[in-house]
Structures are given as structure tokens and as C-alpha cells.
Protein backbone atom coordinates (compact mmCIF):
# COMPACT_ATOMS: atom_id res chain seq x y z
CA MET A 1 88.32 109.90 125.85
CA TYR A 2 89.97 111.03 122.62
CA ILE A 3 93.35 109.80 121.47
CA GLU A 4 95.13 112.54 119.56
CA LYS A 5 98.35 110.70 118.74
CA LEU A 6 100.14 107.43 119.34
CA ALA A 7 103.93 107.10 119.29
CA LEU A 8 105.37 103.68 118.48
CA GLU A 9 108.96 102.47 118.23
CA ASN A 10 110.39 98.94 118.01
CA VAL A 11 106.95 97.31 117.98
CA ARG A 12 106.40 94.76 115.19
CA THR A 13 106.19 96.69 111.89
CA PHE A 14 107.06 100.03 113.51
CA THR A 15 110.85 99.59 113.77
CA SER A 16 111.70 103.30 113.75
CA ALA A 17 109.97 105.95 115.84
CA GLN A 18 106.64 106.92 114.26
CA GLU A 19 103.71 109.03 115.41
CA ILE A 20 100.17 108.28 114.30
CA HIS A 21 97.75 111.19 114.54
CA PHE A 22 94.03 110.61 115.04
CA HIS A 23 91.41 113.22 114.16
CA HIS A 24 87.85 113.80 115.29
CA PRO A 25 85.64 115.88 112.97
CA ARG A 26 84.45 118.17 115.76
CA ARG A 27 87.97 118.77 117.11
CA LEU A 28 89.75 119.95 113.97
CA PRO A 29 90.76 123.56 114.66
CA THR A 30 91.22 124.50 110.99
CA LEU A 31 87.67 123.64 109.92
CA GLU A 32 84.74 125.89 110.57
CA PRO A 33 81.96 124.06 112.47
CA GLN A 34 79.33 124.62 109.77
CA LYS A 35 81.65 123.18 107.08
CA SER A 36 82.65 120.12 109.06
CA PRO A 37 80.28 117.22 108.32
CA SER A 38 78.64 115.53 111.26
CA PRO A 39 79.64 111.89 111.60
CA ARG A 40 76.74 109.55 110.92
CA LEU A 41 78.02 107.08 113.52
CA ASN A 42 79.47 109.06 116.41
CA ASN A 43 81.13 106.17 118.27
CA VAL A 44 82.81 104.41 115.35
CA ASN A 45 86.54 104.54 114.65
CA LEU A 46 88.08 103.44 111.37
CA ILE A 47 91.61 102.17 111.01
CA PHE A 48 92.31 100.91 107.53
CA GLY A 49 95.36 100.03 105.46
CA ASP A 50 97.07 97.36 103.41
CA ASN A 51 97.80 93.89 104.74
CA ALA A 52 100.74 93.83 107.19
CA SER A 53 100.70 97.63 107.55
CA GLY A 54 100.27 97.62 111.35
CA LYS A 55 96.52 97.94 111.99
CA THR A 56 96.49 95.21 114.63
CA THR A 57 99.67 96.59 116.20
CA ILE A 58 97.97 99.98 116.61
CA LEU A 59 94.93 98.40 118.29
CA GLU A 60 97.06 96.24 120.59
CA SER A 61 99.20 99.25 121.54
CA ILE A 62 96.10 101.25 122.47
CA ALA A 63 94.81 98.32 124.53
CA LEU A 64 98.00 98.24 126.62
């Protein structure tokens, strides 16, 4: 299963409506397949950001 976007509103740090878009290297329509690098770890997702930026909120929202 691939998550393309997540819409959050009034959840912890996301007070206004915001959409978070997720990308998979093999599913980007604008990149040619031979120019898109193959991920070294196919089943790893990275969510990174500053402290108190909403990383845990994103994970908990996906879990619901």
C-alpha cells in the first residue's frame, strides 16, 4: 500500500488544513525510469524534521 497524501486539520501542531504529499521513487511521473535512482532499502520510509514539527502526529494519524 502506498500513501500518496495525508490531509490533517485541527490535530496537535496542524491547526489549519494542511496536506502532506508522500513520494515513491518508482511512482514519480515526471522522472524517467532510467534517471530515477533505485532505493537501497525498498521498505524504509523517512519522515524527518525539526523538534515539535509534527513527525509523531503524522505517524499517529496514519496509524488511525
